[in-house]
Amino acid sequence: MPKKEKREGDESVPPAEGTGIFSRFTRLSGFTKGVITWLGAVASLVAALVGATYLIAPDLKPRDKLGATVDRIGIEQSVDYRAYEDKMNRGEPSSPRDEPSPRGVEVLVRASLFGFTDRKYSVRINLLEAESLKAIDVTDEPFHSTCEVLSPKANEDGVTWRCWATSPPAATRFIVRAEIYDDGQYGKLDAAHDDVLLDFLDSAALTALATS
């Protein structure tokens, strides 16, 4: 095949630099990679500093999960209130030993607490009519309901409350509702967070026993 003759003025000319969007992106790619690398280094440094801060002051670490759940409840009827106090190791009973002690319903409340090692919790027991779910009125009784005061020992902890409530009239069909509340942070008065209902659980229907 005959070679093409080289004419005067024919010289190799480098291709013109592109001016489109793709060409601009190509020119900026090196700079962009440098910025991304720099940002990654800064992020790693910040993460290391935050981690070191949490090691020195773990209380500053954000909580992963907040809340509480009532897992289960156990119920025993016809429990002498004085016997309940003895279980609680409260020292002197609230009623003299020579006087009759009322009998009621003892309730064990098992709950899981998450992320609240510095907070106070309370459990409240309510007795409701099984069919209508109306509250059972026992306001004329010397005792209504009471639960011990407990706090978690870790950010995620299982805690069991022991409670006692006045029995409803004999043969009444009723359920027990256990409610757990966040009572705020120790040493601080924070009305916005006091008595916040976190969870509740209803028992199966029961028939009240005679207390005498």
Protein backbone atom coordinates (compact mmCIF):
# COMPACT_ATOMS: atom_id res chain seq x y z
CA MET A 1 0.00 0.00 0.00
CA PRO A 2 1.55 3.31 -1.00
CA LYS A 3 2.51 5.64 1.79
CA LYS A 4 0.68 8.86 2.04
CA GLU A 5 2.90 11.68 1.15
CA LYS A 6 3.58 14.16 3.88
CA ARG A 7 2.70 17.58 2.73
CA GLU A 8 4.26 20.78 3.95
CA GLY A 9 2.56 22.10 7.05
CA ASP A 10 1.48 18.68 8.23
CA GLU A 11 2.60 18.50 11.90
CA SER A 12 1.34 16.55 14.85
CA VAL A 13 -0.84 18.81 16.97
CA PRO A 14 -1.78 17.76 20.56
CA PRO A 15 -5.53 17.34 21.02
CA ALA A 16 -7.28 20.38 22.39
CA GLU A 17 -8.14 20.29 26.08
CA GLY A 18 -11.80 19.44 26.58
CA THR A 19 -14.18 21.99 27.86
CA GLY A 20 -17.20 19.79 28.65
CA ILE A 21 -18.56 18.69 32.07
CA PHE A 22 -16.73 15.37 31.92
CA SER A 23 -13.41 17.08 31.31
CA ARG A 24 -13.97 19.45 34.22
CA PHE A 25 -14.77 16.51 36.50
CA THR A 26 -11.56 14.78 35.38
CA ARG A 27 -9.49 17.86 36.23
CA LEU A 28 -11.15 18.15 39.63
CA SER A 29 -10.95 14.47 40.53
CA GLY A 30 -7.49 14.78 42.04
CA PHE A 31 -8.53 17.72 44.20
CA THR A 32 -11.74 15.95 45.23
CA LYS A 33 -9.84 12.84 46.31
CA GLY A 34 -7.55 15.01 48.37
CA VAL A 35 -10.48 16.71 50.11
CA ILE A 36 -12.16 13.36 50.83
CA THR A 37 -8.94 11.98 52.27
CA TRP A 38 -8.53 15.06 54.46
CA LEU A 39 -12.13 14.85 55.69
CA GLY A 40 -11.66 11.16 56.49
CA ALA A 41 -8.59 11.96 58.55
CA VAL A 42 -10.44 14.70 60.43
CA ALA A 43 -13.38 12.35 61.12
CA SER A 44 -11.03 9.67 62.44
CA LEU A 45 -9.36 12.21 64.71
CA VAL A 46 -12.71 13.44 66.04
CA ALA A 47 -13.86 9.87 66.69
CA ALA A 48 -10.65 9.13 68.57
CA LEU A 49 -11.04 12.27 70.71
CA VAL A 50 -14.69 11.46 71.48
CA GLY A 51 -13.78 7.89 72.41
CA ALA A 52 -11.05 9.12 74.73
CA THR A 53 -13.49 11.58 76.32
CA TYR A 54 -15.99 8.79 77.02
CA LEU A 55 -13.23 6.71 78.62
CA ILE A 56 -12.36 9.57 80.95
CA ALA A 57 -15.97 10.66 81.59
CA PRO A 58 -18.32 7.75 80.76
CA ASP A 59 -21.34 9.67 82.08
CA LEU A 60 -21.08 11.97 79.05
CA LYS A 61 -21.64 9.11 76.59
CA PRO A 62 -25.07 9.29 74.92
CA ARG A 63 -27.40 6.47 75.91
CA ASP A 64 -28.10 3.93 73.19
CA LYS A 65 -31.61 3.20 74.41
CA LEU A 66 -33.96 4.79 76.92
CA GLY A 67 -37.03 3.28 78.49
CA ALA A 68 -38.40 0.38 80.52
CA THR A 69 -40.68 -2.58 79.98
CA VAL A 70 -42.79 -4.57 82.43
CA ASP A 71 -41.93 -8.19 81.62
CA ARG A 72 -44.26 -10.11 83.93
CA ILE A 73 -46.12 -9.95 87.21
CA GLY A 74 -46.79 -12.55 89.90
CA ILE A 75 -49.79 -12.37 92.23
CA GLU A 76 -50.56 -13.89 95.61
CA GLN A 77 -53.83 -13.26 97.44
CA SER A 78 -54.69 -13.11 101.13
CA VAL A 79 -51.23 -11.87 102.16
CA ASP A 80 -51.01 -10.35 105.63
CA TYR A 81 -49.73 -6.78 105.42
CA ARG A 82 -47.49 -7.31 108.44
CA ALA A 83 -45.95 -10.32 106.69
CA TYR A 84 -45.38 -8.11 103.67
CA GLU A 85 -43.60 -5.55 105.84
CA ASP A 86 -41.42 -8.32 107.30
CA LYS A 87 -40.41 -9.35 103.78
CA MET A 88 -39.49 -5.75 103.08
CA ASN A 89 -37.38 -5.55 106.27
CA ARG A 90 -38.96 -2.26 107.22
CA GLY A 91 -38.26 -2.62 110.90
CA GLU A 92 -41.16 -1.50 113.06
CA PRO A 93 -44.53 -2.47 111.53
CA SER A 94 -47.05 0.25 110.70
CA SER A 95 -49.67 -1.44 112.93
CA PRO A 96 -49.17 -2.76 116.49
CA ARG A 97 -48.52 -6.49 116.76
CA ASP A 98 -51.56 -7.01 119.00
CA GLU A 99 -53.91 -5.52 116.39
CA PRO A 100 -55.23 -7.45 113.38
CA SER A 101 -53.33 -6.82 110.17
CA PRO A 102 -55.26 -6.42 106.92
CA ARG A 103 -54.90 -9.03 104.21
CA GLY A 104 -54.44 -8.06 100.60
CA VAL A 105 -52.87 -8.89 97.26
CA GLU A 106 -49.08 -9.15 96.98
CA VAL A 107 -47.73 -8.42 93.51
CA LEU A 108 -44.22 -9.03 92.18
CA VAL A 109 -43.39 -6.83 89.19
CA ARG A 110 -40.43 -7.79 87.00
CA ALA A 111 -39.20 -5.01 84.69
CA SER A 112 -36.29 -4.34 82.37
CA LEU A 113 -34.70 -0.89 82.63
CA PHE A 114 -32.57 0.61 79.86
CA GLY A 115 -30.12 3.49 80.14
CA PHE A 116 -31.38 5.02 83.38
CA THR A 117 -28.74 4.26 86.02
CA ASP A 118 -29.04 7.81 87.35
CA ARG A 119 -32.82 7.88 87.53
CA LYS A 120 -35.53 6.97 90.03
CA TYR A 121 -38.38 4.59 89.23
CA SER A 122 -41.65 3.72 90.85
CA VAL A 123 -44.28 1.05 90.29
CA ARG A 124 -47.97 1.57 90.97
CA ILE A 125 -50.58 -1.16 91.39
CA ASN A 126 -54.19 -0.66 90.36
CA LEU A 127 -57.04 -3.15 90.80
CA LEU A 128 -59.70 -3.02 88.08
CA GLU A 129 -63.01 -4.80 87.62
CA ALA A 130 -62.44 -7.62 85.13
CA GLU A 131 -65.41 -6.87 82.90
CA SER A 132 -65.79 -3.09 83.00
CA LEU A 133 -62.11 -2.27 83.74
CA LYS A 134 -63.32 0.33 86.24
CA ALA A 135 -61.04 1.07 89.17
CA ILE A 136 -62.07 -0.73 92.35
CA ASP A 137 -62.74 1.82 95.08
CA VAL A 138 -60.98 0.91 98.32
CA THR A 139 -60.55 4.45 99.63
CA ASP A 140 -62.24 3.57 102.92
CA GLU A 141 -59.53 1.02 103.70
CA PRO A 142 -56.53 1.91 105.92
CA PHE A 143 -54.13 0.79 103.17
CA HIS A 144 -54.43 1.21 99.41
CA SER A 145 -51.28 0.07 97.65
CA THR A 146 -47.57 0.33 98.21
CA CYS A 147 -44.38 -0.72 96.42
CA GLU A 148 -40.75 -0.66 97.43
CA VAL A 149 -38.43 1.92 95.82
CA LEU A 150 -35.72 0.48 93.56
CA SER A 151 -33.10 1.73 91.12
CA PRO A 152 -31.09 -0.06 88.42
CA LYS A 153 -27.46 -0.95 89.07
CA ALA A 154 -26.41 -0.77 85.42
CA ASN A 155 -27.45 0.89 82.16
CA GLU A 156 -29.39 -2.26 81.30
CA ASP A 157 -30.79 -4.05 84.31
CA GLY A 158 -33.60 -6.34 85.40
CA VAL A 159 -35.38 -5.26 88.57
CA THR A 160 -38.21 -6.83 90.59
CA TRP A 161 -40.58 -4.77 92.74
CA ARG A 162 -42.60 -6.23 95.61
CA CYS A 163 -45.97 -4.52 96.04
CA TRP A 164 -49.07 -4.93 98.19
CA ALA A 165 -52.63 -3.73 97.60
CA THR A 166 -55.88 -3.85 99.54
CA SER A 167 -58.04 -6.76 98.40
CA PRO A 168 -61.32 -6.03 96.63
CA PRO A 169 -64.54 -7.42 98.13
CA ALA A 170 -64.73 -11.22 98.20
CA ALA A 171 -65.86 -12.92 94.97
CA THR A 172 -65.08 -9.81 92.90
CA ARG A 173 -63.62 -10.60 89.47
CA PHE A 174 -60.66 -8.30 88.99
CA ILE A 175 -57.35 -7.78 87.23
CA VAL A 176 -54.11 -6.24 88.49
CA ARG A 177 -52.51 -3.49 86.41
CA ALA A 178 -48.85 -2.74 87.13
CA GLU A 179 -47.48 0.60 85.87
CA ILE A 180 -43.83 1.69 85.89
CA TYR A 181 -42.89 5.38 86.01
CA ASP A 182 -39.77 7.44 85.52
CA ASP A 183 -39.58 9.68 88.59
CA GLY A 184 -36.73 11.85 87.35
CA GLN A 185 -33.02 12.10 87.99
CA TYR A 186 -31.49 11.74 91.42
CA GLY A 187 -30.74 15.07 93.07
CA LYS A 188 -32.64 17.10 90.48
CA LEU A 189 -36.14 18.53 90.42
CA ASP A 190 -37.43 18.19 86.88
CA ALA A 191 -41.20 18.42 86.74
CA ALA A 192 -41.18 17.82 82.99
CA HIS A 193 -39.80 14.32 83.48
CA ASP A 194 -41.35 13.33 86.80
CA ASP A 195 -43.98 10.59 86.83
CA VAL A 196 -43.63 9.68 83.16
CA LEU A 197 -45.45 6.41 82.42
CA LEU A 198 -43.00 4.06 80.69
CA ASP A 199 -44.94 0.80 80.47
CA PHE A 200 -47.76 -1.24 82.02
CA LEU A 201 -49.00 -4.82 82.13
CA ASP A 202 -52.38 -6.35 83.00
CA SER A 203 -52.78 -9.68 84.73
CA ALA A 204 -55.28 -12.41 83.91
CA ALA A 205 -58.66 -12.14 85.63
CA LEU A 206 -58.81 -13.30 89.25
CA THR A 207 -61.54 -13.89 91.81
CA ALA A 208 -61.00 -12.10 95.10
CA LEU A 209 -60.71 -14.32 98.17
CA ALA A 210 -62.33 -13.61 101.50
CA THR A 211 -59.92 -11.76 103.80
CA SER A 212 -61.36 -12.88 107.13
